Amino acid sequence: MTEIIEMGKISSRGQIAIPSDIRREMDLKEGEKVLFLFEEDTLLIKKVSINTFEEITRPLREAAKKAGIKESDVPEIVHRFRAKKKK
């Protein structure tokens, strides 16, 4: 893997442009998705492919199946969690 070190700048809207050398190396195209992982003072950005998304969501889908949660249940669960978190 090629090591590329670039500086970026955060816009007033909180947006960051991924430097062109890095986009080229990662083969990132407009509209593709990336995953952000933040831990302590480190932010990791990973390109998400169909296979990667499958790998990431597999444990969640398996846990939902065991718990008897259907996809249609998710919006209500999210709303309940957000309301609880605001209190």
PDB file of N, CA and C in Angstrom:
ATOM      1  N   MET A   1       0.839  -1.181   0.000  1.00  0.00           N
ATOM      2  CA  MET A   1       0.000   0.000   0.000  1.00  0.00           C
ATOM      3  C   MET A   1       0.881   1.241   0.000  1.00  0.00           C
ATOM      4  N   THR A   2       0.523   2.207  -0.776  1.00  0.00           N
ATOM      5  CA  THR A   2       1.259   3.456  -0.878  1.00  0.00           C
ATOM      6  C   THR A   2       0.961   4.342   0.327  1.00  0.00           C
ATOM      7  N   GLU A   3       1.988   4.959   0.883  1.00  0.00           N
ATOM      8  CA  GLU A   3       1.781   5.895   1.990  1.00  0.00           C
ATOM      9  C   GLU A   3       1.665   7.296   1.414  1.00  0.00           C
ATOM     10  N   ILE A   4       0.547   7.949   1.710  1.00  0.00           N
ATOM     11  CA  ILE A   4       0.320   9.320   1.249  1.00  0.00           C
ATOM     12  C   ILE A   4      -0.030  10.155   2.469  1.00  0.00           C
ATOM     13  N   ILE A   5       0.665  11.247   2.648  1.00  0.00           N
ATOM     14  CA  ILE A   5       0.379  12.156   3.755  1.00  0.00           C
ATOM     15  C   ILE A   5      -0.053  13.479   3.154  1.00  0.00           C
ATOM     16  N   GLU A   6      -1.264  13.894   3.487  1.00  0.00           N
ATOM     17  CA  GLU A   6      -1.827  15.141   2.965  1.00  0.00           C
ATOM     18  C   GLU A   6      -2.499  15.898   4.095  1.00  0.00           C
ATOM     19  N   MET A   7      -2.590  17.198   3.979  1.00  0.00           N
ATOM     20  CA  MET A   7      -3.322  18.028   4.928  1.00  0.00           C
ATOM     21  C   MET A   7      -4.660  18.383   4.302  1.00  0.00           C
ATOM     22  N   GLY A   8      -5.667  18.460   5.141  1.00  0.00           N
ATOM     23  CA  GLY A   8      -6.985  18.875   4.692  1.00  0.00           C
ATOM     24  C   GLY A   8      -7.452  20.051   5.524  1.00  0.00           C
ATOM     25  N   LYS A   9      -8.584  20.578   5.156  1.00  0.00           N
ATOM     26  CA  LYS A   9      -9.134  21.724   5.868  1.00  0.00           C
ATOM     27  C   LYS A   9     -10.637  21.515   5.992  1.00  0.00           C
ATOM     28  N   ILE A  10     -11.185  21.822   7.154  1.00  0.00           N
ATOM     29  CA  ILE A  10     -12.609  21.667   7.395  1.00  0.00           C
ATOM     30  C   ILE A  10     -13.311  22.964   7.007  1.00  0.00           C
ATOM     31  N   SER A  11     -14.377  22.848   6.210  1.00  0.00           N
ATOM     32  CA  SER A  11     -15.126  24.031   5.779  1.00  0.00           C
ATOM     33  C   SER A  11     -16.030  24.508   6.907  1.00  0.00           C
ATOM     34  N   SER A  12     -16.656  25.654   6.710  1.00  0.00           N
ATOM     35  CA  SER A  12     -17.577  26.201   7.710  1.00  0.00           C
ATOM     36  C   SER A  12     -18.778  25.280   7.914  1.00  0.00           C
ATOM     37  N   ARG A  13     -19.066  24.411   6.962  1.00  0.00           N
ATOM     38  CA  ARG A  13     -20.177  23.456   7.063  1.00  0.00           C
ATOM     39  C   ARG A  13     -19.714  22.103   7.600  1.00  0.00           C
ATOM     40  N   GLY A  14     -18.449  22.009   8.018  1.00  0.00           N
ATOM     41  CA  GLY A  14     -17.935  20.763   8.582  1.00  0.00           C
ATOM     42  C   GLY A  14     -17.527  19.745   7.533  1.00  0.00           C
ATOM     43  N   GLN A  15     -17.395  20.172   6.308  1.00  0.00           N
ATOM     44  CA  GLN A  15     -17.031  19.254   5.235  1.00  0.00           C
ATOM     45  C   GLN A  15     -15.522  19.214   5.049  1.00  0.00           C
ATOM     46  N   ILE A  16     -15.036  18.035   4.652  1.00  0.00           N
ATOM     47  CA  ILE A  16     -13.618  17.846   4.385  1.00  0.00           C
ATOM     48  C   ILE A  16     -13.481  17.289   2.976  1.00  0.00           C
ATOM     49  N   ALA A  17     -12.623  17.893   2.175  1.00  0.00           N
ATOM     50  CA  ALA A  17     -12.340  17.356   0.841  1.00  0.00           C
ATOM     51  C   ALA A  17     -11.218  16.335   0.976  1.00  0.00           C
ATOM     52  N   ILE A  18     -11.438  15.140   0.436  1.00  0.00           N
ATOM     53  CA  ILE A  18     -10.386  14.124   0.437  1.00  0.00           C
ATOM     54  C   ILE A  18      -9.416  14.486  -0.682  1.00  0.00           C
ATOM     55  N   PRO A  19      -8.131  14.655  -0.369  1.00  0.00           N
ATOM     56  CA  PRO A  19      -7.156  15.059  -1.386  1.00  0.00           C
ATOM     57  C   PRO A  19      -7.180  14.121  -2.600  1.00  0.00           C
ATOM     58  N   SER A  20      -6.970  14.709  -3.775  1.00  0.00           N
ATOM     59  CA  SER A  20      -7.082  13.965  -5.037  1.00  0.00           C
ATOM     60  C   SER A  20      -6.150  12.755  -5.105  1.00  0.00           C
ATOM     61  N   ASP A  21      -4.925  12.861  -4.571  1.00  0.00           N
ATOM     62  CA  ASP A  21      -4.004  11.715  -4.583  1.00  0.00           C
ATOM     63  C   ASP A  21      -4.584  10.531  -3.804  1.00  0.00           C
ATOM     64  N   ILE A  22      -5.216  10.838  -2.688  1.00  0.00           N
ATOM     65  CA  ILE A  22      -5.813   9.782  -1.862  1.00  0.00           C
ATOM     66  C   ILE A  22      -7.048   9.210  -2.544  1.00  0.00           C
ATOM     67  N   ARG A  23      -7.892  10.084  -3.110  1.00  0.00           N
ATOM     68  CA  ARG A  23      -9.076   9.592  -3.851  1.00  0.00           C
ATOM     69  C   ARG A  23      -8.660   8.667  -4.973  1.00  0.00           C
ATOM     70  N   ARG A  24      -7.609   9.048  -5.677  1.00  0.00           N
ATOM     71  CA  ARG A  24      -7.111   8.226  -6.793  1.00  0.00           C
ATOM     72  C   ARG A  24      -6.595   6.872  -6.287  1.00  0.00           C
ATOM     73  N   GLU A  25      -5.792   6.898  -5.221  1.00  0.00           N
ATOM     74  CA  GLU A  25      -5.219   5.669  -4.673  1.00  0.00           C
ATOM     75  C   GLU A  25      -6.299   4.726  -4.153  1.00  0.00           C
ATOM     76  N   MET A  26      -7.349   5.302  -3.546  1.00  0.00           N
ATOM     77  CA  MET A  26      -8.439   4.483  -3.005  1.00  0.00           C
ATOM     78  C   MET A  26      -9.507   4.185  -4.052  1.00  0.00           C
ATOM     79  N   ASP A  27      -9.346   4.764  -5.243  1.00  0.00           N
ATOM     80  CA  ASP A  27     -10.320   4.618  -6.328  1.00  0.00           C
ATOM     81  C   ASP A  27     -11.714   5.046  -5.871  1.00  0.00           C
ATOM     82  N   LEU A  28     -11.769   6.201  -5.193  1.00  0.00           N
ATOM     83  CA  LEU A  28     -13.040   6.752  -4.717  1.00  0.00           C
ATOM     84  C   LEU A  28     -13.674   7.592  -5.816  1.00  0.00           C
ATOM     85  N   LYS A  29     -14.927   7.317  -6.087  1.00  0.00           N
ATOM     86  CA  LYS A  29     -15.685   8.050  -7.104  1.00  0.00           C
ATOM     87  C   LYS A  29     -16.811   8.819  -6.428  1.00  0.00           C
ATOM     88  N   GLU A  30     -17.301   9.852  -7.114  1.00  0.00           N
ATOM     89  CA  GLU A  30     -18.410  10.652  -6.601  1.00  0.00           C
ATOM     90  C   GLU A  30     -19.608   9.752  -6.269  1.00  0.00           C
ATOM     91  N   GLY A  31     -20.180   9.969  -5.094  1.00  0.00           N
ATOM     92  CA  GLY A  31     -21.366   9.220  -4.689  1.00  0.00           C
ATOM     93  C   GLY A  31     -21.075   7.933  -3.927  1.00  0.00           C
ATOM     94  N   GLU A  32     -19.810   7.488  -3.931  1.00  0.00           N
ATOM     95  CA  GLU A  32     -19.475   6.278  -3.181  1.00  0.00           C
ATOM     96  C   GLU A  32     -19.494   6.582  -1.690  1.00  0.00           C
ATOM     97  N   LYS A  33     -19.655   5.555  -0.897  1.00  0.00           N
ATOM     98  CA  LYS A  33     -19.756   5.715   0.545  1.00  0.00           C
ATOM     99  C   LYS A  33     -18.432   5.397   1.226  1.00  0.00           C
ATOM    100  N   VAL A  34     -18.197   6.079   2.343  1.00  0.00           N
ATOM    101  CA  VAL A  34     -17.045   5.805   3.189  1.00  0.00           C
ATOM    102  C   VAL A  34     -17.550   5.642   4.617  1.00  0.00           C
ATOM    103  N   LEU A  35     -16.821   4.882   5.389  1.00  0.00           N
ATOM    104  CA  LEU A  35     -17.148   4.627   6.788  1.00  0.00           C
ATOM    105  C   LEU A  35     -16.184   5.426   7.652  1.00  0.00           C
ATOM    106  N   PHE A  36     -16.706   6.116   8.662  1.00  0.00           N
ATOM    107  CA  PHE A  36     -15.870   6.873   9.593  1.00  0.00           C
ATOM    108  C   PHE A  36     -15.816   6.125  10.912  1.00  0.00           C
ATOM    109  N   LEU A  37     -14.626   5.910  11.423  1.00  0.00           N
ATOM    110  CA  LEU A  37     -14.429   5.278  12.722  1.00  0.00           C
ATOM    111  C   LEU A  37     -13.580   6.223  13.558  1.00  0.00           C
ATOM    112  N   PHE A  38     -14.126   6.678  14.667  1.00  0.00           N
ATOM    113  CA  PHE A  38     -13.430   7.631  15.530  1.00  0.00           C
ATOM    114  C   PHE A  38     -13.104   6.961  16.854  1.00  0.00           C
ATOM    115  N   GLU A  39     -11.846   7.046  17.270  1.00  0.00           N
ATOM    116  CA  GLU A  39     -11.412   6.504  18.559  1.00  0.00           C
ATOM    117  C   GLU A  39     -10.340   7.422  19.125  1.00  0.00           C
ATOM    118  N   GLU A  40     -10.593   7.938  20.328  1.00  0.00           N
ATOM    119  CA  GLU A  40      -9.720   8.897  20.994  1.00  0.00           C
ATOM    120  C   GLU A  40      -9.438  10.077  20.067  1.00  0.00           C
ATOM    121  N   ASP A  41      -8.212  10.240  19.581  1.00  0.00           N
ATOM    122  CA  ASP A  41      -7.916  11.381  18.714  1.00  0.00           C
ATOM    123  C   ASP A  41      -7.636  10.952  17.275  1.00  0.00           C
ATOM    124  N   THR A  42      -8.127   9.779  16.890  1.00  0.00           N
ATOM    125  CA  THR A  42      -7.858   9.241  15.561  1.00  0.00           C
ATOM    126  C   THR A  42      -9.149   9.037  14.787  1.00  0.00           C
ATOM    127  N   LEU A  43      -9.171   9.488  13.546  1.00  0.00           N
ATOM    128  CA  LEU A  43     -10.305   9.281  12.656  1.00  0.00           C
ATOM    129  C   LEU A  43      -9.830   8.423  11.497  1.00  0.00           C
ATOM    130  N   LEU A  44     -10.488   7.297  11.307  1.00  0.00           N
ATOM    131  CA  LEU A  44     -10.160   6.375  10.219  1.00  0.00           C
ATOM    132  C   LEU A  44     -11.288   6.444   9.200  1.00  0.00           C
ATOM    133  N   ILE A  45     -10.935   6.565   7.938  1.00  0.00           N
ATOM    134  CA  ILE A  45     -11.926   6.580   6.868  1.00  0.00           C
ATOM    135  C   ILE A  45     -11.672   5.359   6.002  1.00  0.00           C
ATOM    136  N   LYS A  46     -12.712   4.544   5.806  1.00  0.00           N
ATOM    137  CA  LYS A  46     -12.577   3.313   5.031  1.00  0.00           C
ATOM    138  C   LYS A  46     -13.576   3.325   3.897  1.00  0.00           C
ATOM    139  N   LYS A  47     -13.123   2.955   2.727  1.00  0.00           N
ATOM    140  CA  LYS A  47     -14.012   2.844   1.572  1.00  0.00           C
ATOM    141  C   LYS A  47     -14.983   1.696   1.832  1.00  0.00           C
ATOM    142  N   VAL A  48     -16.252   1.932   1.552  1.00  0.00           N
ATOM    143  CA  VAL A  48     -17.268   0.909   1.759  1.00  0.00           C
ATOM    144  C   VAL A  48     -17.700   0.366   0.401  1.00  0.00           C
ATOM    145  N   SER A  49     -17.486  -0.922   0.231  1.00  0.00           N
ATOM    146  CA  SER A  49     -17.963  -1.594  -0.978  1.00  0.00           C
ATOM    147  C   SER A  49     -19.175  -2.420  -0.594  1.00  0.00           C
ATOM    148  N   ILE A  50     -19.835  -2.993  -1.543  1.00  0.00           N
ATOM    149  CA  ILE A  50     -20.979  -3.856  -1.262  1.00  0.00           C
ATOM    150  C   ILE A  50     -20.541  -4.970  -0.312  1.00  0.00           C
ATOM    151  N   ASN A  51     -19.396  -5.587  -0.566  1.00  0.00           N
ATOM    152  CA  ASN A  51     -18.902  -6.667   0.294  1.00  0.00           C
ATOM    153  C   ASN A  51     -18.584  -6.158   1.691  1.00  0.00           C
ATOM    154  N   THR A  52     -17.966  -4.994   1.785  1.00  0.00           N
ATOM    155  CA  THR A  52     -17.630  -4.428   3.093  1.00  0.00           C
ATOM    156  C   THR A  52     -18.897  -4.155   3.878  1.00  0.00           C
ATOM    157  N   PHE A  53     -19.906  -3.585   3.239  1.00  0.00           N
ATOM    158  CA  PHE A  53     -21.164  -3.288   3.908  1.00  0.00           C
ATOM    159  C   PHE A  53     -21.798  -4.576   4.427  1.00  0.00           C
ATOM    160  N   GLU A  54     -21.736  -5.627   3.632  1.00  0.00           N
ATOM    161  CA  GLU A  54     -22.244  -6.937   4.033  1.00  0.00           C
ATOM    162  C   GLU A  54     -21.509  -7.430   5.281  1.00  0.00           C
ATOM    163  N   GLU A  55     -20.201  -7.306   5.293  1.00  0.00           N
ATOM    164  CA  GLU A  55     -19.404  -7.745   6.442  1.00  0.00           C
ATOM    165  C   GLU A  55     -19.729  -6.933   7.696  1.00  0.00           C
ATOM    166  N   ILE A  56     -19.887  -5.628   7.530  1.00  0.00           N
ATOM    167  CA  ILE A  56     -20.155  -4.740   8.656  1.00  0.00           C
ATOM    168  C   ILE A  56     -21.522  -5.020   9.264  1.00  0.00           C
ATOM    169  N   THR A  57     -22.511  -5.243   8.425  1.00  0.00           N
ATOM    170  CA  THR A  57     -23.879  -5.390   8.922  1.00  0.00           C
ATOM    171  C   THR A  57     -24.260  -6.822   9.295  1.00  0.00           C
ATOM    172  N   ARG A  58     -23.462  -7.806   8.912  1.00  0.00           N
ATOM    173  CA  ARG A  58     -23.809  -9.206   9.209  1.00  0.00           C
ATOM    174  C   ARG A  58     -24.077  -9.444  10.695  1.00  0.00           C
ATOM    175  N   PRO A  59     -23.173  -9.024  11.608  1.00  0.00           N
ATOM    176  CA  PRO A  59     -23.449  -9.258  13.040  1.00  0.00           C
ATOM    177  C   PRO A  59     -24.724  -8.549  13.515  1.00  0.00           C
ATOM    178  N   LEU A  60     -24.986  -7.378  12.963  1.00  0.00           N
ATOM    179  CA  LEU A  60     -26.195  -6.644  13.351  1.00  0.00           C
ATOM    180  C   LEU A  60     -27.452  -7.376  12.884  1.00  0.00           C
ATOM    181  N   ARG A  61     -27.427  -7.876  11.649  1.00  0.00           N
ATOM    182  CA  ARG A  61     -28.574  -8.613  11.126  1.00  0.00           C
ATOM    183  C   ARG A  61     -28.801  -9.908  11.902  1.00  0.00           C
ATOM    184  N   GLU A  62     -27.717 -10.589  12.263  1.00  0.00           N
ATOM    185  CA  GLU A  62     -27.840 -11.831  13.035  1.00  0.00           C
ATOM    186  C   GLU A  62     -28.409 -11.555  14.424  1.00  0.00           C
ATOM    187  N   ALA A  63     -27.943 -10.486  15.071  1.00  0.00           N
ATOM    188  CA  ALA A  63     -28.453 -10.124  16.397  1.00  0.00           C
ATOM    189  C   ALA A  63     -29.923  -9.717  16.318  1.00  0.00           C
ATOM    190  N   ALA A  64     -30.288  -8.986  15.285  1.00  0.00           N
ATOM    191  CA  ALA A  64     -31.688  -8.582  15.112  1.00  0.00           C
ATOM    192  C   ALA A  64     -32.579  -9.798  14.907  1.00  0.00           C
ATOM    193  N   LYS A  65     -32.093 -10.751  14.132  1.00  0.00           N
ATOM    194  CA  LYS A  65     -32.868 -11.965  13.880  1.00  0.00           C
ATOM    195  C   LYS A  65     -33.092 -12.735  15.177  1.00  0.00           C
ATOM    196  N   LYS A  66     -32.037 -12.876  15.989  1.00  0.00           N
ATOM    197  CA  LYS A  66     -32.155 -13.575  17.274  1.00  0.00           C
ATOM    198  C   LYS A  66     -33.126 -12.851  18.210  1.00  0.00           C
ATOM    199  N   ALA A  67     -33.113 -11.521  18.149  1.00  0.00           N
ATOM    200  CA  ALA A  67     -33.973 -10.722  19.029  1.00  0.00           C
ATOM    201  C   ALA A  67     -35.396 -10.597  18.486  1.00  0.00           C
ATOM    202  N   GLY A  68     -35.621 -11.082  17.279  1.00  0.00           N
ATOM    203  CA  GLY A  68     -36.955 -10.999  16.680  1.00  0.00           C
ATOM    204  C   GLY A  68     -37.307  -9.616  16.173  1.00  0.00           C
ATOM    205  N   ILE A  69     -36.278  -8.820  15.855  1.00  0.00           N
ATOM    206  CA  ILE A  69     -36.505  -7.462  15.353  1.00  0.00           C
ATOM    207  C   ILE A  69     -36.531  -7.490  13.833  1.00  0.00           C
ATOM    208  N   LYS A  70     -37.596  -6.897  13.273  1.00  0.00           N
ATOM    209  CA  LYS A  70     -37.709  -6.797  11.813  1.00  0.00           C
ATOM    210  C   LYS A  70     -37.235  -5.414  11.373  1.00  0.00           C
ATOM    211  N   GLU A  71     -36.880  -5.298  10.118  1.00  0.00           N
ATOM    212  CA  GLU A  71     -36.423  -4.003   9.594  1.00  0.00           C
ATOM    213  C   GLU A  71     -37.480  -2.922   9.794  1.00  0.00           C
ATOM    214  N   SER A  72     -38.737  -3.287   9.677  1.00  0.00           N
ATOM    215  CA  SER A  72     -39.820  -2.308   9.844  1.00  0.00           C
ATOM    216  C   SER A  72     -39.915  -1.798  11.291  1.00  0.00           C
ATOM    217  N   ASP A  73     -39.320  -2.511  12.251  1.00  0.00           N
ATOM    218  CA  ASP A  73     -39.320  -2.085  13.659  1.00  0.00           C
ATOM    219  C   ASP A  73     -38.281  -1.005  13.945  1.00  0.00           C
ATOM    220  N   VAL A  74     -37.283  -0.887  13.100  1.00  0.00           N
ATOM    221  CA  VAL A  74     -36.118  -0.045  13.380  1.00  0.00           C
ATOM    222  C   VAL A  74     -36.461   1.435  13.572  1.00  0.00           C
ATOM    223  N   PRO A  75     -37.257   2.084  12.696  1.00  0.00           N
ATOM    224  CA  PRO A  75     -37.522   3.513  12.915  1.00  0.00           C
ATOM    225  C   PRO A  75     -38.121   3.812  14.296  1.00  0.00           C
ATOM    226  N   GLU A  76     -39.049   2.977  14.749  1.00  0.00           N
ATOM    227  CA  GLU A  76     -39.671   3.197  16.053  1.00  0.00           C
ATOM    228  C   GLU A  76     -38.660   3.006  17.181  1.00  0.00           C
ATOM    229  N   ILE A  77     -37.789   2.027  17.064  1.00  0.00           N
ATOM    230  CA  ILE A  77     -36.752   1.777  18.068  1.00  0.00           C
ATOM    231  C   ILE A  77     -35.800   2.972  18.140  1.00  0.00           C
ATOM    232  N   VAL A  78     -35.410   3.502  16.985  1.00  0.00           N
ATOM    233  CA  VAL A  78     -34.515   4.669  16.930  1.00  0.00           C
ATOM    234  C   VAL A  78     -35.178   5.874  17.596  1.00  0.00           C
ATOM    235  N   HIS A  79     -36.458   6.117  17.280  1.00  0.00           N
ATOM    236  CA  HIS A  79     -37.176   7.247  17.882  1.00  0.00           C
ATOM    237  C   HIS A  79     -37.253   7.108  19.404  1.00  0.00           C
ATOM    238  N   ARG A  80     -37.534   5.895  19.886  1.00  0.00           N
ATOM    239  CA  ARG A  80     -37.584   5.656  21.334  1.00  0.00           C
ATOM    240  C   ARG A  80     -36.232   5.915  21.984  1.00  0.00           C
ATOM    241  N   PHE A  81     -35.160   5.428  21.347  1.00  0.00           N
ATOM    242  CA  PHE A  81     -33.816   5.609  21.885  1.00  0.00           C
ATOM    243  C   PHE A  81     -33.445   7.084  21.940  1.00  0.00           C
ATOM    244  N   ARG A  82     -33.746   7.815  20.862  1.00  0.00           N
ATOM    245  CA  ARG A  82     -33.415   9.248  20.823  1.00  0.00           C
ATOM    246  C   ARG A  82     -34.190  10.016  21.886  1.00  0.00           C
ATOM    247  N   ALA A  83     -35.467   9.685  22.063  1.00  0.00           N
ATOM    248  CA  ALA A  83     -36.272  10.355  23.072  1.00  0.00           C
ATOM    249  C   ALA A  83     -35.727  10.077  24.472  1.00  0.00           C
ATOM    250  N   LYS A  84     -35.310   8.841  24.707  1.00  0.00           N
ATOM    251  CA  LYS A  84     -34.755   8.459  26.005  1.00  0.00           C
ATOM    252  C   LYS A  84     -33.437   9.187  26.262  1.00  0.00           C
ATOM    253  N   LYS A  85     -32.626   9.333  25.206  1.00  0.00           N
ATOM    254  CA  LYS A  85     -31.308   9.967  25.318  1.00  0.00           C
ATOM    255  C   LYS A  85     -31.448  11.467  25.635  1.00  0.00           C
ATOM    256  N   LYS A  86     -32.501  12.123  25.139  1.00  0.00           N
ATOM    257  CA  LYS A  86     -32.706  13.553  25.370  1.00  0.00           C
ATOM    258  C   LYS A  86     -33.044  13.869  26.817  1.00  0.00           C
ATOM    259  N   LYS A  87     -33.589  12.895  27.540  1.00  0.00           N
ATOM    260  CA  LYS A  87     -34.019  13.140  28.937  1.00  0.00           C
ATOM    261  C   LYS A  87     -32.854  13.335  29.848  1.00  0.00           C
TER     262      LYS A  87
END
